[in-house]
Amino acid sequence: TNARCTLSEDRPVCSCMNLHIGDPLLRCTRVECLINEDCIKSKVC
């Protein structure tokens, strides 16, 4: 859940969507930020 599938050398690759973390094969949970640029300039991640 909340993971995306992409192909790499014709093989599927699973990864969490942007601003999500977790196990891409099971479930990805949405978070507020991953890096500082995901926040307004007056805050840090």
All heavy atoms as atom14 arrays in JSON, in Angstrom:
{
  "sequence": "TNARCTLSEDRPVCSCMNLHIGDPLLRCTRVECLINEDCIKSKVC",
  "atom14_mask": [
    [1, 1, 1, 1, 1, 1, 1, 0, 0, 0, 0, 0, 0, 0],
    [1, 1, 1, 1, 1, 1, 1, 1, 0, 0, 0, 0, 0, 0],
    [1, 1, 1, 1, 1, 0, 0, 0, 0, 0, 0, 0, 0, 0],
    [1, 1, 1, 1, 1, 1, 1, 1, 1, 1, 1, 0, 0, 0],
    [1, 1, 1, 1, 1, 1, 0, 0, 0, 0, 0, 0, 0, 0],
    [1, 1, 1, 1, 1, 1, 1, 0, 0, 0, 0, 0, 0, 0],
    [1, 1, 1, 1, 1, 1, 1, 1, 0, 0, 0, 0, 0, 0],
    [1, 1, 1, 1, 1, 1, 0, 0, 0, 0, 0, 0, 0, 0],
    [1, 1, 1, 1, 1, 1, 1, 1, 1, 0, 0, 0, 0, 0],
    [1, 1, 1, 1, 1, 1, 1, 1, 0, 0, 0, 0, 0, 0],
    [1, 1, 1, 1, 1, 1, 1, 1, 1, 1, 1, 0, 0, 0],
    [1, 1, 1, 1, 1, 1, 1, 0, 0, 0, 0, 0, 0, 0],
    [1, 1, 1, 1, 1, 1, 1, 0, 0, 0, 0, 0, 0, 0],
    [1, 1, 1, 1, 1, 1, 0, 0, 0, 0, 0, 0, 0, 0],
    [1, 1, 1, 1, 1, 1, 0, 0, 0, 0, 0, 0, 0, 0],
    [1, 1, 1, 1, 1, 1, 0, 0, 0, 0, 0, 0, 0, 0],
    [1, 1, 1, 1, 1, 1, 1, 1, 0, 0, 0, 0, 0, 0],
    [1, 1, 1, 1, 1, 1, 1, 1, 0, 0, 0, 0, 0, 0],
    [1, 1, 1, 1, 1, 1, 1, 1, 0, 0, 0, 0, 0, 0],
    [1, 1, 1, 1, 1, 1, 1, 1, 1, 1, 0, 0, 0, 0],
    [1, 1, 1, 1, 1, 1, 1, 1, 0, 0, 0, 0, 0, 0],
    [1, 1, 1, 1, 0, 0, 0, 0, 0, 0, 0, 0, 0, 0],
    [1, 1, 1, 1, 1, 1, 1, 1, 0, 0, 0, 0, 0, 0],
    [1, 1, 1, 1, 1, 1, 1, 0, 0, 0, 0, 0, 0, 0],
    [1, 1, 1, 1, 1, 1, 1, 1, 0, 0, 0, 0, 0, 0],
    [1, 1, 1, 1, 1, 1, 1, 1, 0, 0, 0, 0, 0, 0],
    [1, 1, 1, 1, 1, 1, 1, 1, 1, 1, 1, 0, 0, 0],
    [1, 1, 1, 1, 1, 1, 0, 0, 0, 0, 0, 0, 0, 0],
    [1, 1, 1, 1, 1, 1, 1, 0, 0, 0, 0, 0, 0, 0],
    [1, 1, 1, 1, 1, 1, 1, 1, 1, 1, 1, 0, 0, 0],
    [1, 1, 1, 1, 1, 1, 1, 0, 0, 0, 0, 0, 0, 0],
    [1, 1, 1, 1, 1, 1, 1, 1, 1, 0, 0, 0, 0, 0],
    [1, 1, 1, 1, 1, 1, 0, 0, 0, 0, 0, 0, 0, 0],
    [1, 1, 1, 1, 1, 1, 1, 1, 0, 0, 0, 0, 0, 0],
    [1, 1, 1, 1, 1, 1, 1, 1, 0, 0, 0, 0, 0, 0],
    [1, 1, 1, 1, 1, 1, 1, 1, 0, 0, 0, 0, 0, 0],
    [1, 1, 1, 1, 1, 1, 1, 1, 1, 0, 0, 0, 0, 0],
    [1, 1, 1, 1, 1, 1, 1, 1, 0, 0, 0, 0, 0, 0],
    [1, 1, 1, 1, 1, 1, 0, 0, 0, 0, 0, 0, 0, 0],
    [1, 1, 1, 1, 1, 1, 1, 1, 0, 0, 0, 0, 0, 0],
    [1, 1, 1, 1, 1, 1, 1, 1, 1, 0, 0, 0, 0, 0],
    [1, 1, 1, 1, 1, 1, 0, 0, 0, 0, 0, 0, 0, 0],
    [1, 1, 1, 1, 1, 1, 1, 1, 1, 0, 0, 0, 0, 0],
    [1, 1, 1, 1, 1, 1, 1, 0, 0, 0, 0, 0, 0, 0],
    [1, 1, 1, 1, 1, 1, 0, 0, 0, 0, 0, 0, 0, 0]
  ],
  "atom14_positions": [
    [[0.85, -1.21, 0.0], [0.0, 0.0, 0.0], [0.88, 1.25, 0.0], [1.89, 1.34, 0.72], [-0.91, 0.02, 1.25], [-1.64, -1.21, 1.28], [-1.84, 1.19, 1.23], [0.0, 0.0, 0.0], [0.0, 0.0, 0.0], [0.0, 0.0, 0.0], [0.0, 0.0, 0.0], [0.0, 0.0, 0.0], [0.0, 0.0, 0.0], [0.0, 0.0, 0.0]],
    [[0.45, 2.26, -0.8], [1.17, 3.54, -0.93], [2.58, 3.38, -1.48], [3.43, 4.26, -1.32], [1.23, 4.29, 0.4], [-0.15, 4.72, 0.88], [-1.03, 5.06, 0.06], [-0.37, 4.7, 2.18], [0.0, 0.0, 0.0], [0.0, 0.0, 0.0], [0.0, 0.0, 0.0], [0.0, 0.0, 0.0], [0.0, 0.0, 0.0], [0.0, 0.0, 0.0]],
    [[2.81, 2.17, -2.1], [4.1, 1.97, -2.74], [3.9, 2.05, -4.23], [2.8, 1.9, -4.76], [4.69, 0.63, -2.34], [0.0, 0.0, 0.0], [0.0, 0.0, 0.0], [0.0, 0.0, 0.0], [0.0, 0.0, 0.0], [0.0, 0.0, 0.0], [0.0, 0.0, 0.0], [0.0, 0.0, 0.0], [0.0, 0.0, 0.0], [0.0, 0.0, 0.0]],
    [[4.94, 2.29, -4.95], [4.88, 2.36, -6.4], [5.78, 1.27, -6.98], [6.76, 0.86, -6.33], [5.34, 3.74, -6.89], [6.79, 4.0, -6.67], [7.22, 5.23, -7.5], [6.56, 6.42, -7.06], [7.03, 7.23, -6.12], [8.15, 6.91, -5.51], [6.39, 8.31, -5.79], [0.0, 0.0, 0.0], [0.0, 0.0, 0.0], [0.0, 0.0, 0.0]],
    [[5.43, 0.82, -8.18], [6.21, -0.2, -8.86], [6.85, 0.41, -10.1], [6.16, 1.06, -10.91], [5.3, -1.38, -9.27], [6.18, -2.66, -10.2], [0.0, 0.0, 0.0], [0.0, 0.0, 0.0], [0.0, 0.0, 0.0], [0.0, 0.0, 0.0], [0.0, 0.0, 0.0], [0.0, 0.0, 0.0], [0.0, 0.0, 0.0], [0.0, 0.0, 0.0]],
    [[8.09, 0.21, -10.24], [8.82, 0.67, -11.42], [9.66, -0.47, -11.92], [9.95, -1.43, -11.18], [9.73, 1.87, -11.07], [10.64, 1.47, -10.06], [8.9, 3.06, -10.62], [0.0, 0.0, 0.0], [0.0, 0.0, 0.0], [0.0, 0.0, 0.0], [0.0, 0.0, 0.0], [0.0, 0.0, 0.0], [0.0, 0.0, 0.0], [0.0, 0.0, 0.0]],
    [[10.03, -0.44, -13.17], [10.83, -1.48, -13.79], [12.28, -1.07, -13.83], [12.62, 0.08, -14.14], [10.33, -1.75, -15.19], [8.92, -2.36, -15.29], [8.53, -2.53, -16.76], [8.85, -3.69, -14.58], [0.0, 0.0, 0.0], [0.0, 0.0, 0.0], [0.0, 0.0, 0.0], [0.0, 0.0, 0.0], [0.0, 0.0, 0.0], [0.0, 0.0, 0.0]],
    [[13.12, -1.96, -13.52], [14.56, -1.76, -13.63], [15.14, -2.99, -14.3], [15.07, -4.1, -13.74], [15.19, -1.57, -12.24], [16.59, -1.48, -12.35], [0.0, 0.0, 0.0], [0.0, 0.0, 0.0], [0.0, 0.0, 0.0], [0.0, 0.0, 0.0], [0.0, 0.0, 0.0], [0.0, 0.0, 0.0], [0.0, 0.0, 0.0], [0.0, 0.0, 0.0]],
    [[15.65, -2.79, -15.53], [16.15, -3.88, -16.34], [15.07, -4.95, -16.5], [15.27, -6.14, -16.26], [17.43, -4.47, -15.73], [18.58, -3.5, -15.7], [19.83, -4.09, -15.12], [19.8, -5.26, -14.66], [20.86, -3.38, -15.11], [0.0, 0.0, 0.0], [0.0, 0.0, 0.0], [0.0, 0.0, 0.0], [0.0, 0.0, 0.0], [0.0, 0.0, 0.0]],
    [[13.89, -4.45, -16.78], [12.72, -5.29, -17.05], [12.24, -6.04, -15.83], [11.46, -6.98, -15.94], [13.01, -6.27, -18.21], [13.3, -5.55, -19.5], [12.79, -4.37, -19.67], [14.02, -6.09, -20.34], [0.0, 0.0, 0.0], [0.0, 0.0, 0.0], [0.0, 0.0, 0.0], [0.0, 0.0, 0.0], [0.0, 0.0, 0.0], [0.0, 0.0, 0.0]],
    [[12.74, -5.62, -14.67], [12.29, -6.27, -13.43], [11.56, -5.24, -12.59], [11.99, -4.08, -12.49], [13.48, -6.83, -12.65], [14.3, -7.89, -13.37], [13.53, -9.14, -13.62], [13.17, -9.76, -12.37], [12.36, -10.82, -12.29], [11.82, -11.35, -13.39], [12.09, -11.37, -11.12], [0.0, 0.0, 0.0], [0.0, 0.0, 0.0], [0.0, 0.0, 0.0]],
    [[10.47, -5.61, -11.92], [9.73, -4.64, -11.1], [10.51, -4.29, -9.83], [11.17, -5.14, -9.24], [8.43, -5.38, -10.78], [8.77, -6.82, -10.87], [9.8, -6.95, -11.94], [0.0, 0.0, 0.0], [0.0, 0.0, 0.0], [0.0, 0.0, 0.0], [0.0, 0.0, 0.0], [0.0, 0.0, 0.0], [0.0, 0.0, 0.0], [0.0, 0.0, 0.0]],
    [[10.4, -3.02, -9.51], [11.04, -2.51, -8.28], [9.97, -1.78, -7.49], [9.31, -0.86, -8.01], [12.21, -1.57, -8.61], [12.78, -1.0, -7.33], [13.26, -2.29, -9.42], [0.0, 0.0, 0.0], [0.0, 0.0, 0.0], [0.0, 0.0, 0.0], [0.0, 0.0, 0.0], [0.0, 0.0, 0.0], [0.0, 0.0, 0.0], [0.0, 0.0, 0.0]],
    [[9.8, -2.1, -6.19], [8.81, -1.44, -5.33], [9.48, -0.39, -4.46], [10.55, -0.64, -3.88], [8.11, -2.49, -4.46], [7.08, -3.63, -5.37], [0.0, 0.0, 0.0], [0.0, 0.0, 0.0], [0.0, 0.0, 0.0], [0.0, 0.0, 0.0], [0.0, 0.0, 0.0], [0.0, 0.0, 0.0], [0.0, 0.0, 0.0], [0.0, 0.0, 0.0]],
    [[8.83, 0.75, -4.32], [9.34, 1.83, -3.43], [8.16, 2.66, -2.93], [7.11, 2.74, -3.58], [10.31, 2.73, -4.2], [9.65, 3.36, -5.28], [0.0, 0.0, 0.0], [0.0, 0.0, 0.0], [0.0, 0.0, 0.0], [0.0, 0.0, 0.0], [0.0, 0.0, 0.0], [0.0, 0.0, 0.0], [0.0, 0.0, 0.0], [0.0, 0.0, 0.0]],
    [[8.33, 3.23, -1.72], [7.27, 4.1, -1.14], [7.15, 5.39, -1.96], [8.13, 5.93, -2.48], [7.61, 4.43, 0.29], [7.41, 3.05, 1.44], [0.0, 0.0, 0.0], [0.0, 0.0, 0.0], [0.0, 0.0, 0.0], [0.0, 0.0, 0.0], [0.0, 0.0, 0.0], [0.0, 0.0, 0.0], [0.0, 0.0, 0.0], [0.0, 0.0, 0.0]],
    [[5.93, 5.85, -2.04], [5.68, 7.11, -2.75], [6.32, 8.28, -1.99], [6.68, 8.15, -0.82], [4.17, 7.32, -2.9], [3.5, 6.24, -3.74], [1.7, 6.48, -3.86], [1.68, 8.03, -4.73], [0.0, 0.0, 0.0], [0.0, 0.0, 0.0], [0.0, 0.0, 0.0], [0.0, 0.0, 0.0], [0.0, 0.0, 0.0], [0.0, 0.0, 0.0]],
    [[6.4, 9.42, -2.66], [7.0, 10.6, -2.04], [6.28, 10.95, -0.75], [5.05, 10.89, -0.67], [6.95, 11.78, -3.02], [7.7, 12.99, -2.5], [8.71, 12.82, -1.81], [7.24, 14.19, -2.82], [0.0, 0.0, 0.0], [0.0, 0.0, 0.0], [0.0, 0.0, 0.0], [0.0, 0.0, 0.0], [0.0, 0.0, 0.0], [0.0, 0.0, 0.0]],
    [[7.07, 11.39, 0.27], [6.56, 11.74, 1.59], [5.91, 10.56, 2.28], [5.01, 10.72, 3.11], [5.6, 12.94, 1.52], [6.21, 14.28, 1.07], [5.14, 15.36, 1.05], [7.37, 14.71, 1.96], [0.0, 0.0, 0.0], [0.0, 0.0, 0.0], [0.0, 0.0, 0.0], [0.0, 0.0, 0.0], [0.0, 0.0, 0.0], [0.0, 0.0, 0.0]],
    [[6.31, 9.33, 1.92], [5.84, 8.11, 2.59], [7.05, 7.28, 3.03], [8.11, 7.31, 2.37], [4.97, 7.26, 1.65], [3.61, 7.85, 1.4], [3.41, 8.97, 0.62], [2.37, 7.45, 1.84], [2.14, 9.26, 0.58], [1.46, 8.34, 1.32], [0.0, 0.0, 0.0], [0.0, 0.0, 0.0], [0.0, 0.0, 0.0], [0.0, 0.0, 0.0]],
    [[6.89, 6.55, 4.11], [7.96, 5.66, 4.58], [7.32, 4.32, 5.0], [6.13, 4.25, 5.31], [8.72, 6.29, 5.76], [7.79, 6.57, 6.95], [9.47, 7.54, 5.34], [8.5, 7.06, 8.19], [0.0, 0.0, 0.0], [0.0, 0.0, 0.0], [0.0, 0.0, 0.0], [0.0, 0.0, 0.0], [0.0, 0.0, 0.0], [0.0, 0.0, 0.0]],
    [[8.12, 3.27, 5.05], [7.62, 1.95, 5.47], [8.19, 0.83, 4.6], [9.2, 1.03, 3.91], [0.0, 0.0, 0.0], [0.0, 0.0, 0.0], [0.0, 0.0, 0.0], [0.0, 0.0, 0.0], [0.0, 0.0, 0.0], [0.0, 0.0, 0.0], [0.0, 0.0, 0.0], [0.0, 0.0, 0.0], [0.0, 0.0, 0.0], [0.0, 0.0, 0.0]],
    [[7.49, -0.33, 4.6], [7.93, -1.47, 3.8], [7.17, -1.41, 2.48], [5.94, -1.61, 2.44], [7.63, -2.78, 4.53], [8.18, -3.99, 3.8], [8.6, -3.84, 2.63], [8.19, -5.06, 4.4], [0.0, 0.0, 0.0], [0.0, 0.0, 0.0], [0.0, 0.0, 0.0], [0.0, 0.0, 0.0], [0.0, 0.0, 0.0], [0.0, 0.0, 0.0]],
    [[7.87, -1.15, 1.36], [7.17, -1.0, 0.08], [6.43, -2.25, -0.34], [5.49, -2.17, -1.14], [8.3, -0.66, -0.89], [9.4, -0.13, -0.05], [9.31, -0.86, 1.22], [0.0, 0.0, 0.0], [0.0, 0.0, 0.0], [0.0, 0.0, 0.0], [0.0, 0.0, 0.0], [0.0, 0.0, 0.0], [0.0, 0.0, 0.0], [0.0, 0.0, 0.0]],
    [[6.83, -3.42, 0.18], [6.14, -4.65, -0.2], [4.88, -4.86, 0.62], [3.98, -5.62, 0.21], [7.08, -5.84, -0.03], [8.32, -5.86, -0.93], [9.19, -7.07, -0.61], [7.91, -5.87, -2.39], [0.0, 0.0, 0.0], [0.0, 0.0, 0.0], [0.0, 0.0, 0.0], [0.0, 0.0, 0.0], [0.0, 0.0, 0.0], [0.0, 0.0, 0.0]],
    [[4.81, -4.15, 1.79], [3.65, -4.31, 2.65], [2.81, -3.03, 2.72], [1.68, -3.0, 2.28], [4.11, -4.73, 4.05], [4.86, -6.06, 4.15], [5.32, -6.32, 5.56], [3.97, -7.23, 3.67], [0.0, 0.0, 0.0], [0.0, 0.0, 0.0], [0.0, 0.0, 0.0], [0.0, 0.0, 0.0], [0.0, 0.0, 0.0], [0.0, 0.0, 0.0]],
    [[3.39, -1.98, 3.32], [2.6, -0.75, 3.5], [3.56, 0.44, 3.7], [4.55, 0.33, 4.44], [1.68, -0.89, 4.7], [0.82, 0.34, 4.94], [-0.08, 0.12, 6.15], [-0.95, 1.27, 6.35], [-2.09, 1.46, 5.71], [-2.5, 0.54, 4.82], [-2.85, 2.51, 5.95], [0.0, 0.0, 0.0], [0.0, 0.0, 0.0], [0.0, 0.0, 0.0]],
    [[3.25, 1.54, 3.08], [4.0, 2.8, 3.26], [3.08, 3.82, 3.97], [1.89, 3.94, 3.6], [4.45, 3.36, 1.92], [5.71, 2.35, 1.1], [0.0, 0.0, 0.0], [0.0, 0.0, 0.0], [0.0, 0.0, 0.0], [0.0, 0.0, 0.0], [0.0, 0.0, 0.0], [0.0, 0.0, 0.0], [0.0, 0.0, 0.0], [0.0, 0.0, 0.0]],
    [[3.61, 4.46, 4.95], [2.83, 5.46, 5.71], [3.29, 6.89, 5.36], [4.51, 7.17, 5.32], [3.01, 5.23, 7.23], [2.62, 3.87, 7.52], [2.16, 6.19, 8.01], [0.0, 0.0, 0.0], [0.0, 0.0, 0.0], [0.0, 0.0, 0.0], [0.0, 0.0, 0.0], [0.0, 0.0, 0.0], [0.0, 0.0, 0.0], [0.0, 0.0, 0.0]],
    [[2.3, 7.78, 5.16], [2.64, 9.18, 4.8], [3.25, 9.9, 6.02], [2.78, 9.76, 7.14], [1.39, 9.94, 4.33], [1.68, 11.38, 3.95], [0.42, 12.07, 3.46], [0.69, 13.46, 3.18], [1.24, 13.96, 2.08], [1.61, 13.11, 1.11], [1.44, 15.25, 1.92], [0.0, 0.0, 0.0], [0.0, 0.0, 0.0], [0.0, 0.0, 0.0]],
    [[4.31, 10.71, 5.75], [4.95, 11.53, 6.8], [4.91, 13.01, 6.37], [4.61, 13.34, 5.21], [6.39, 11.08, 7.04], [6.43, 9.66, 7.61], [7.2, 11.16, 5.74], [0.0, 0.0, 0.0], [0.0, 0.0, 0.0], [0.0, 0.0, 0.0], [0.0, 0.0, 0.0], [0.0, 0.0, 0.0], [0.0, 0.0, 0.0], [0.0, 0.0, 0.0]],
    [[5.25, 13.95, 7.36], [5.19, 15.42, 7.09], [6.35, 15.84, 6.2], [6.21, 16.72, 5.34], [5.22, 16.2, 8.41], [4.96, 17.69, 8.24], [4.84, 18.41, 9.57], [4.95, 17.75, 10.62], [4.63, 19.63, 9.56], [0.0, 0.0, 0.0], [0.0, 0.0, 0.0], [0.0, 0.0, 0.0], [0.0, 0.0, 0.0], [0.0, 0.0, 0.0]],
    [[7.53, 15.26, 6.41], [8.67, 15.67, 5.6], [9.7, 14.58, 5.61], [9.73, 13.71, 6.49], [9.29, 16.95, 6.11], [9.98, 16.79, 7.78], [0.0, 0.0, 0.0], [0.0, 0.0, 0.0], [0.0, 0.0, 0.0], [0.0, 0.0, 0.0], [0.0, 0.0, 0.0], [0.0, 0.0, 0.0], [0.0, 0.0, 0.0], [0.0, 0.0, 0.0]],
    [[10.53, 14.64, 4.6], [11.68, 13.75, 4.55], [12.98, 14.55, 4.64], [13.96, 14.1, 5.22], [11.65, 12.94, 3.24], [10.47, 11.96, 3.09], [10.49, 11.31, 1.72], [10.5, 10.89, 4.18], [0.0, 0.0, 0.0], [0.0, 0.0, 0.0], [0.0, 0.0, 0.0], [0.0, 0.0, 0.0], [0.0, 0.0, 0.0], [0.0, 0.0, 0.0]],
    [[12.99, 15.72, 4.01], [14.14, 16.63, 4.06], [13.65, 18.03, 4.42], [12.45, 18.34, 4.39], [14.88, 16.65, 2.71], [13.93, 17.11, 1.6], [15.48, 15.28, 2.39], [14.61, 17.28, 0.26], [0.0, 0.0, 0.0], [0.0, 0.0, 0.0], [0.0, 0.0, 0.0], [0.0, 0.0, 0.0], [0.0, 0.0, 0.0], [0.0, 0.0, 0.0]],
    [[14.61, 18.95, 4.75], [14.24, 20.32, 5.17], [13.44, 21.06, 4.11], [12.53, 21.83, 4.42], [15.5, 21.13, 5.48], [16.17, 20.7, 6.79], [15.51, 20.1, 7.65], [17.46, 20.97, 6.93], [0.0, 0.0, 0.0], [0.0, 0.0, 0.0], [0.0, 0.0, 0.0], [0.0, 0.0, 0.0], [0.0, 0.0, 0.0], [0.0, 0.0, 0.0]],
    [[13.74, 20.77, 2.84], [13.04, 21.5, 1.79], [11.56, 21.16, 1.73], [10.78, 21.86, 1.07], [13.7, 21.2, 0.44], [15.02, 21.9, 0.18], [16.14, 21.39, 1.06], [15.98, 20.3, 1.66], [17.19, 22.07, 1.16], [0.0, 0.0, 0.0], [0.0, 0.0, 0.0], [0.0, 0.0, 0.0], [0.0, 0.0, 0.0], [0.0, 0.0, 0.0]],
    [[11.16, 20.06, 2.39], [9.73, 19.73, 2.45], [8.98, 20.63, 3.42], [7.74, 20.6, 3.47], [9.55, 18.26, 2.86], [10.11, 17.3, 1.82], [10.12, 17.68, 0.62], [10.52, 16.19, 2.19], [0.0, 0.0, 0.0], [0.0, 0.0, 0.0], [0.0, 0.0, 0.0], [0.0, 0.0, 0.0], [0.0, 0.0, 0.0], [0.0, 0.0, 0.0]],
    [[9.72, 21.41, 4.21], [9.11, 22.3, 5.22], [9.21, 23.75, 4.76], [9.99, 24.1, 3.87], [9.83, 22.13, 6.56], [9.8, 20.45, 7.21], [0.0, 0.0, 0.0], [0.0, 0.0, 0.0], [0.0, 0.0, 0.0], [0.0, 0.0, 0.0], [0.0, 0.0, 0.0], [0.0, 0.0, 0.0], [0.0, 0.0, 0.0], [0.0, 0.0, 0.0]],
    [[8.4, 24.6, 5.4], [8.55, 26.04, 5.14], [9.91, 26.48, 5.65], [10.54, 25.81, 6.49], [7.42, 26.83, 5.82], [7.44, 26.63, 7.34], [6.05, 26.45, 5.22], [6.41, 27.47, 8.07], [0.0, 0.0, 0.0], [0.0, 0.0, 0.0], [0.0, 0.0, 0.0], [0.0, 0.0, 0.0], [0.0, 0.0, 0.0], [0.0, 0.0, 0.0]],
    [[10.39, 27.66, 5.18], [11.76, 28.08, 5.45], [12.03, 28.36, 6.92], [13.18, 28.34, 7.36], [12.09, 29.32, 4.63], [12.17, 29.04, 3.14], [12.6, 30.28, 2.36], [12.72, 29.98, 0.87], [13.18, 31.16, 0.1], [0.0, 0.0, 0.0], [0.0, 0.0, 0.0], [0.0, 0.0, 0.0], [0.0, 0.0, 0.0], [0.0, 0.0, 0.0]],
    [[10.99, 28.63, 7.67], [11.19, 28.95, 9.1], [11.22, 27.68, 9.96], [11.32, 27.79, 11.19], [10.07, 29.87, 9.59], [8.81, 29.24, 9.45], [0.0, 0.0, 0.0], [0.0, 0.0, 0.0], [0.0, 0.0, 0.0], [0.0, 0.0, 0.0], [0.0, 0.0, 0.0], [0.0, 0.0, 0.0], [0.0, 0.0, 0.0], [0.0, 0.0, 0.0]],
    [[11.15, 26.44, 9.3], [11.19, 25.18, 10.07], [12.18, 24.22, 9.43], [12.58, 24.38, 8.28], [9.8, 24.55, 10.14], [8.81, 25.38, 10.95], [7.47, 24.66, 11.08], [6.49, 25.48, 11.92], [5.21, 24.76, 12.13], [0.0, 0.0, 0.0], [0.0, 0.0, 0.0], [0.0, 0.0, 0.0], [0.0, 0.0, 0.0], [0.0, 0.0, 0.0]],
    [[12.54, 23.19, 10.19], [13.44, 22.15, 9.69], [12.75, 20.79, 9.84], [11.82, 20.63, 10.63], [14.78, 22.17, 10.46], [15.52, 23.48, 10.24], [14.56, 21.9, 11.94], [0.0, 0.0, 0.0], [0.0, 0.0, 0.0], [0.0, 0.0, 0.0], [0.0, 0.0, 0.0], [0.0, 0.0, 0.0], [0.0, 0.0, 0.0], [0.0, 0.0, 0.0]],
    [[13.22, 19.82, 9.05], [12.65, 18.48, 9.1], [13.41, 17.63, 10.12], [14.61, 17.38, 9.97], [12.72, 17.83, 7.71], [11.86, 16.25, 7.63], [0.0, 0.0, 0.0], [0.0, 0.0, 0.0], [0.0, 0.0, 0.0], [0.0, 0.0, 0.0], [0.0, 0.0, 0.0], [0.0, 0.0, 0.0], [0.0, 0.0, 0.0], [0.0, 0.0, 0.0]]
  ]
}
